[in-house]
Amino acid sequence: MSSPTGEIYRIDWLPGTDILHGTCHCGREHTAQDPIEMWEWMLAHPQGHEPQGNSS
C-alpha cells in the first residue's frame, strides 16, 4: 500500500502462522498478530518509531 505522499507500507503474512510482518516506508520492521496493532504502528510514524539508523 502506498500513501498519497508516495510512502510505501508493506505487510506480509508469514505462512503457517498468525504473524504479520510489516515494513514501514522508513525501513523499520515490526511483527504482530493483530492487524489493527500493525496498522497503528505504521501510521503512527514518526511517533510510533524512529527511522533505522537514528540513535536517539
N, C-alpha and C. Protein backbone atom coordinates (compact mmCIF):
# COMPACT_ATOMS: atom_id res chain seq x y z
N MET A 1 0.85 -1.17 0.00
CA MET A 1 0.00 0.00 0.00
C MET A 1 0.89 1.23 0.00
N SER A 2 0.52 2.23 -0.75
CA SER A 2 1.26 3.48 -0.72
C SER A 2 0.32 4.60 -0.34
N SER A 3 0.87 5.61 0.28
CA SER A 3 0.07 6.75 0.71
C SER A 3 0.08 7.82 -0.37
N PRO A 4 -0.76 8.85 -0.23
CA PRO A 4 -0.78 9.93 -1.21
C PRO A 4 0.57 10.64 -1.34
N THR A 5 1.42 10.54 -0.32
CA THR A 5 2.72 11.19 -0.38
C THR A 5 3.79 10.30 -1.00
N GLY A 6 3.40 9.11 -1.47
CA GLY A 6 4.34 8.21 -2.12
C GLY A 6 5.06 7.26 -1.18
N GLU A 7 4.69 7.28 0.11
CA GLU A 7 5.32 6.37 1.06
C GLU A 7 4.75 4.97 0.86
N ILE A 8 5.60 3.96 0.98
CA ILE A 8 5.16 2.58 0.78
C ILE A 8 5.17 1.85 2.10
N TYR A 9 4.04 1.21 2.42
CA TYR A 9 3.89 0.38 3.60
C TYR A 9 3.67 -1.04 3.12
N ARG A 10 4.33 -1.99 3.74
CA ARG A 10 4.20 -3.38 3.30
C ARG A 10 3.91 -4.27 4.50
N ILE A 11 2.90 -5.09 4.37
CA ILE A 11 2.58 -6.08 5.40
C ILE A 11 2.50 -7.44 4.73
N ASP A 12 3.28 -8.37 5.24
CA ASP A 12 3.28 -9.75 4.74
C ASP A 12 2.78 -10.67 5.83
N TRP A 13 2.04 -11.68 5.44
CA TRP A 13 1.61 -12.72 6.35
C TRP A 13 2.64 -13.83 6.27
N LEU A 14 3.10 -14.32 7.42
CA LEU A 14 4.08 -15.40 7.45
C LEU A 14 3.31 -16.72 7.40
N PRO A 15 3.34 -17.43 6.26
CA PRO A 15 2.57 -18.65 6.08
C PRO A 15 2.79 -19.66 7.21
N GLY A 16 1.70 -20.29 7.61
CA GLY A 16 1.76 -21.30 8.66
C GLY A 16 1.71 -20.71 10.06
N THR A 17 1.55 -19.38 10.16
CA THR A 17 1.49 -18.71 11.45
C THR A 17 0.35 -17.70 11.45
N ASP A 18 0.13 -17.07 12.58
CA ASP A 18 -0.80 -15.95 12.68
C ASP A 18 -0.04 -14.63 12.75
N ILE A 19 1.20 -14.65 12.29
CA ILE A 19 2.09 -13.50 12.42
C ILE A 19 2.07 -12.65 11.15
N LEU A 20 2.00 -11.33 11.35
CA LEU A 20 2.14 -10.37 10.27
C LEU A 20 3.49 -9.68 10.42
N HIS A 21 4.14 -9.46 9.30
CA HIS A 21 5.45 -8.80 9.30
C HIS A 21 5.30 -7.53 8.48
N GLY A 22 5.50 -6.39 9.12
CA GLY A 22 5.33 -5.11 8.43
C GLY A 22 6.65 -4.41 8.23
N THR A 23 6.74 -3.71 7.10
CA THR A 23 7.90 -2.87 6.80
C THR A 23 7.38 -1.48 6.48
N CYS A 24 7.84 -0.51 7.25
CA CYS A 24 7.43 0.88 7.07
C CYS A 24 8.24 1.52 5.94
N HIS A 25 7.76 2.64 5.43
CA HIS A 25 8.48 3.36 4.38
C HIS A 25 9.85 3.82 4.85
N CYS A 26 10.07 3.91 6.17
CA CYS A 26 11.37 4.36 6.68
C CYS A 26 12.35 3.20 6.82
N GLY A 27 11.89 1.97 6.61
CA GLY A 27 12.77 0.81 6.70
C GLY A 27 12.63 0.01 7.98
N ARG A 28 11.96 0.58 9.00
CA ARG A 28 11.77 -0.16 10.25
C ARG A 28 10.82 -1.33 10.02
N GLU A 29 11.01 -2.39 10.80
CA GLU A 29 10.19 -3.58 10.68
C GLU A 29 9.53 -3.89 12.02
N HIS A 30 8.38 -4.56 11.96
CA HIS A 30 7.60 -4.87 13.15
C HIS A 30 6.81 -6.13 12.87
N THR A 31 6.62 -6.97 13.89
CA THR A 31 5.76 -8.14 13.75
C THR A 31 4.64 -8.05 14.77
N ALA A 32 3.47 -8.57 14.40
CA ALA A 32 2.31 -8.56 15.29
C ALA A 32 1.32 -9.61 14.81
N GLN A 33 0.47 -10.05 15.72
CA GLN A 33 -0.61 -10.97 15.33
C GLN A 33 -1.88 -10.20 14.99
N ASP A 34 -2.02 -9.01 15.52
CA ASP A 34 -3.22 -8.21 15.34
C ASP A 34 -3.04 -7.21 14.20
N PRO A 35 -3.86 -7.30 13.15
CA PRO A 35 -3.72 -6.36 12.03
C PRO A 35 -3.92 -4.89 12.45
N ILE A 36 -4.80 -4.65 13.41
CA ILE A 36 -5.02 -3.27 13.86
C ILE A 36 -3.76 -2.73 14.53
N GLU A 37 -3.13 -3.55 15.37
CA GLU A 37 -1.88 -3.14 16.01
C GLU A 37 -0.83 -2.81 14.97
N MET A 38 -0.76 -3.62 13.92
CA MET A 38 0.24 -3.40 12.86
C MET A 38 0.00 -2.06 12.18
N TRP A 39 -1.23 -1.78 11.76
CA TRP A 39 -1.51 -0.53 11.07
C TRP A 39 -1.33 0.67 11.98
N GLU A 40 -1.71 0.55 13.25
CA GLU A 40 -1.50 1.66 14.18
C GLU A 40 -0.01 1.97 14.31
N TRP A 41 0.82 0.92 14.36
CA TRP A 41 2.27 1.12 14.46
C TRP A 41 2.78 1.85 13.22
N MET A 42 2.36 1.39 12.04
CA MET A 42 2.84 2.01 10.80
C MET A 42 2.36 3.45 10.65
N LEU A 43 1.10 3.68 10.90
CA LEU A 43 0.53 5.00 10.66
C LEU A 43 0.89 6.02 11.73
N ALA A 44 1.47 5.57 12.84
CA ALA A 44 1.90 6.49 13.91
C ALA A 44 3.23 7.15 13.58
N HIS A 45 3.83 6.78 12.45
CA HIS A 45 5.14 7.31 12.08
C HIS A 45 5.12 8.83 12.00
N PRO A 46 6.05 9.54 12.55
CA PRO A 46 7.25 9.05 13.22
C PRO A 46 7.08 8.86 14.72
N GLN A 47 5.87 9.08 15.26
CA GLN A 47 5.68 8.97 16.70
C GLN A 47 5.74 7.53 17.19
N GLY A 48 5.42 6.58 16.34
CA GLY A 48 5.41 5.19 16.76
C GLY A 48 6.78 4.54 16.73
N HIS A 49 7.71 5.13 15.99
CA HIS A 49 9.04 4.57 15.85
C HIS A 49 9.95 5.57 15.14
N GLU A 50 11.22 5.33 15.24
CA GLU A 50 12.21 6.19 14.60
C GLU A 50 12.78 5.49 13.38
N PRO A 51 13.17 6.25 12.35
CA PRO A 51 13.79 5.64 11.17
C PRO A 51 15.04 4.84 11.55
N GLN A 52 15.33 3.78 10.79
CA GLN A 52 16.53 2.99 11.04
C GLN A 52 17.75 3.87 10.98
N GLY A 53 18.72 3.59 11.85
CA GLY A 53 19.95 4.35 11.87
C GLY A 53 19.90 5.55 12.79
N ASN A 54 18.72 5.88 13.31
CA ASN A 54 18.60 7.01 14.22
C ASN A 54 18.91 6.52 15.63
N SER A 55 19.93 7.05 16.25
CA SER A 55 20.39 6.57 17.55
C SER A 55 19.68 7.25 18.71
N SER A 56 18.79 8.20 18.47
CA SER A 56 18.12 8.89 19.57
C SER A 56 16.90 8.16 20.05
